[in-house]
Amino acid sequence: MNLRRYDKEFKLNAIKLYKNGKTLIQVSQDLGVPESTLYGWLKQHEKEGSKSFPGSGNIKASNEEVWRLKKELDDVKMERDILKKALTIFSRTK
């Protein structure tokens, strides 16, 4: 299945077409985007306004702390694994 990616500008233009009087079906047919996708964009834009569609690499404020904590957890796991290996090496008897 080939997933299509749409940039922020494309999504905002699709929303603008809808708000300028076209129906969801018309916008869907004109742009070749599924109606369900357009509906999701509309709902997200209504909910988040100018902060909607952050794109890749841009984390929403609500997800920023989760991302930071996951990164910290990964770092701690890596440190633990290094210490386990070091303990194994230093505890060997010669």
C-alpha atoms as a PDB file:
ATOM      1  CA  MET A   1       0.000   0.000   0.000  1.00  0.00           C
ATOM      2  CA  ASN A   2       1.422   3.351  -1.035  1.00  0.00           C
ATOM      3  CA  LEU A   3       0.847   6.046   1.567  1.00  0.00           C
ATOM      4  CA  ARG A   4       0.792   9.584   0.277  1.00  0.00           C
ATOM      5  CA  ARG A   5       2.201  12.398   2.391  1.00  0.00           C
ATOM      6  CA  TYR A   6       0.826  15.912   2.224  1.00  0.00           C
ATOM      7  CA  ASP A   7       2.655  19.013   3.395  1.00  0.00           C
ATOM      8  CA  LYS A   8       1.170  21.625   5.696  1.00  0.00           C
ATOM      9  CA  GLU A   9       0.513  24.104   2.884  1.00  0.00           C
ATOM     10  CA  PHE A  10      -1.461  21.536   0.883  1.00  0.00           C
ATOM     11  CA  LYS A  11      -3.612  20.697   3.904  1.00  0.00           C
ATOM     12  CA  LEU A  12      -4.283  24.352   4.686  1.00  0.00           C
ATOM     13  CA  ASN A  13      -5.226  25.032   1.055  1.00  0.00           C
ATOM     14  CA  ALA A  14      -7.647  22.087   1.114  1.00  0.00           C
ATOM     15  CA  ILE A  15      -9.245  23.481   4.273  1.00  0.00           C
ATOM     16  CA  LYS A  16      -9.451  26.915   2.669  1.00  0.00           C
ATOM     17  CA  LEU A  17     -11.291  25.446  -0.344  1.00  0.00           C
ATOM     18  CA  TYR A  18     -13.797  23.820   1.993  1.00  0.00           C
ATOM     19  CA  LYS A  19     -14.320  27.000   3.990  1.00  0.00           C
ATOM     20  CA  ASN A  20     -14.789  29.021   0.794  1.00  0.00           C
ATOM     21  CA  GLY A  21     -17.957  27.095  -0.027  1.00  0.00           C
ATOM     22  CA  LYS A  22     -16.969  23.832  -1.666  1.00  0.00           C
ATOM     23  CA  THR A  23     -18.342  20.642  -0.217  1.00  0.00           C
ATOM     24  CA  LEU A  24     -16.098  18.020   1.303  1.00  0.00           C
ATOM     25  CA  ILE A  25     -16.888  15.730  -1.634  1.00  0.00           C
ATOM     26  CA  GLN A  26     -15.935  18.410  -4.180  1.00  0.00           C
ATOM     27  CA  VAL A  27     -12.628  19.157  -2.464  1.00  0.00           C
ATOM     28  CA  SER A  28     -11.942  15.432  -2.205  1.00  0.00           C
ATOM     29  CA  GLN A  29     -12.547  14.883  -5.917  1.00  0.00           C
ATOM     30  CA  ASP A  30     -10.651  18.008  -6.989  1.00  0.00           C
ATOM     31  CA  LEU A  31      -7.546  17.178  -4.958  1.00  0.00           C
ATOM     32  CA  GLY A  32      -7.697  13.390  -5.117  1.00  0.00           C
ATOM     33  CA  VAL A  33      -7.696  13.070  -1.334  1.00  0.00           C
ATOM     34  CA  PRO A  34     -10.035  10.678   0.510  1.00  0.00           C
ATOM     35  CA  GLU A  35     -12.962  12.375   2.262  1.00  0.00           C
ATOM     36  CA  SER A  36     -12.026  10.771   5.566  1.00  0.00           C
ATOM     37  CA  THR A  37      -8.558  12.299   5.336  1.00  0.00           C
ATOM     38  CA  LEU A  38      -9.978  15.755   4.631  1.00  0.00           C
ATOM     39  CA  TYR A  39     -12.416  15.381   7.512  1.00  0.00           C
ATOM     40  CA  GLY A  40      -9.536  14.510   9.841  1.00  0.00           C
ATOM     41  CA  TRP A  41      -7.614  17.590   8.687  1.00  0.00           C
ATOM     42  CA  LEU A  42     -10.652  19.784   9.306  1.00  0.00           C
ATOM     43  CA  LYS A  43     -11.155  18.421  12.818  1.00  0.00           C
ATOM     44  CA  GLN A  44      -7.459  18.794  13.655  1.00  0.00           C
ATOM     45  CA  HIS A  45      -7.420  22.379  12.343  1.00  0.00           C
ATOM     46  CA  GLU A  46     -10.550  23.265  14.321  1.00  0.00           C
ATOM     47  CA  LYS A  47      -9.022  21.823  17.481  1.00  0.00           C
ATOM     48  CA  GLU A  48      -5.430  23.072  17.195  1.00  0.00           C
ATOM     49  CA  GLY A  49      -5.664  26.104  14.900  1.00  0.00           C
ATOM     50  CA  SER A  50      -2.322  27.411  13.696  1.00  0.00           C
ATOM     51  CA  LYS A  51      -0.459  24.687  15.624  1.00  0.00           C
ATOM     52  CA  SER A  52      -2.025  21.918  13.548  1.00  0.00           C
ATOM     53  CA  PHE A  53       0.048  19.898  11.066  1.00  0.00           C
ATOM     54  CA  PRO A  54       3.457  20.393  12.702  1.00  0.00           C
ATOM     55  CA  GLY A  55       5.174  18.105  10.200  1.00  0.00           C
ATOM     56  CA  SER A  56       8.047  15.732  10.793  1.00  0.00           C
ATOM     57  CA  GLY A  57      10.637  16.885  13.251  1.00  0.00           C
ATOM     58  CA  ASN A  58       8.275  19.325  14.936  1.00  0.00           C
ATOM     59  CA  ILE A  59       6.867  17.943  18.144  1.00  0.00           C
ATOM     60  CA  LYS A  60       3.572  19.141  19.527  1.00  0.00           C
ATOM     61  CA  ALA A  61       3.838  20.690  22.973  1.00  0.00           C
ATOM     62  CA  SER A  62       1.633  17.955  24.409  1.00  0.00           C
ATOM     63  CA  ASN A  63       4.032  15.271  23.171  1.00  0.00           C
ATOM     64  CA  GLU A  64       7.256  17.080  24.013  1.00  0.00           C
ATOM     65  CA  GLU A  65       7.516  15.790  27.594  1.00  0.00           C
ATOM     66  CA  VAL A  66       6.689  12.230  26.518  1.00  0.00           C
ATOM     67  CA  TRP A  67       9.436  12.396  23.886  1.00  0.00           C
ATOM     68  CA  ARG A  68      11.928  13.800  26.425  1.00  0.00           C
ATOM     69  CA  LEU A  69      11.102  11.061  28.958  1.00  0.00           C
ATOM     70  CA  LYS A  70      11.426   8.308  26.338  1.00  0.00           C
ATOM     71  CA  LYS A  71      14.820   9.679  25.333  1.00  0.00           C
ATOM     72  CA  GLU A  72      15.920   9.790  28.969  1.00  0.00           C
ATOM     73  CA  LEU A  73      14.721   6.207  29.488  1.00  0.00           C
ATOM     74  CA  ASP A  74      16.668   5.026  26.434  1.00  0.00           C
ATOM     75  CA  ASP A  75      19.805   6.730  27.762  1.00  0.00           C
ATOM     76  CA  VAL A  76      19.403   5.130  31.191  1.00  0.00           C
ATOM     77  CA  LYS A  77      18.875   1.684  29.630  1.00  0.00           C
ATOM     78  CA  MET A  78      22.027   2.103  27.563  1.00  0.00           C
ATOM     79  CA  GLU A  79      24.026   3.139  30.662  1.00  0.00           C
ATOM     80  CA  ARG A  80      22.658   0.123  32.559  1.00  0.00           C
ATOM     81  CA  ASP A  81      23.682  -2.247  29.777  1.00  0.00           C
ATOM     82  CA  ILE A  82      27.183  -0.764  29.680  1.00  0.00           C
ATOM     83  CA  LEU A  83      27.518  -1.162  33.437  1.00  0.00           C
ATOM     84  CA  LYS A  84      26.341  -4.796  33.257  1.00  0.00           C
ATOM     85  CA  LYS A  85      28.997  -5.547  30.645  1.00  0.00           C
ATOM     86  CA  ALA A  86      31.654  -3.777  32.679  1.00  0.00           C
ATOM     87  CA  LEU A  87      30.674  -5.729  35.793  1.00  0.00           C
ATOM     88  CA  THR A  88      30.938  -8.986  33.861  1.00  0.00           C
ATOM     89  CA  ILE A  89      34.380  -8.053  32.556  1.00  0.00           C
ATOM     90  CA  PHE A  90      35.775  -6.897  35.920  1.00  0.00           C
ATOM     91  CA  SER A  91      34.299  -9.778  37.908  1.00  0.00           C
ATOM     92  CA  ARG A  92      36.083 -12.451  35.862  1.00  0.00           C
ATOM     93  CA  THR A  93      38.780 -14.205  37.785  1.00  0.00           C
ATOM     94  CA  LYS A  94      42.148 -14.597  36.203  1.00  0.00           C
END
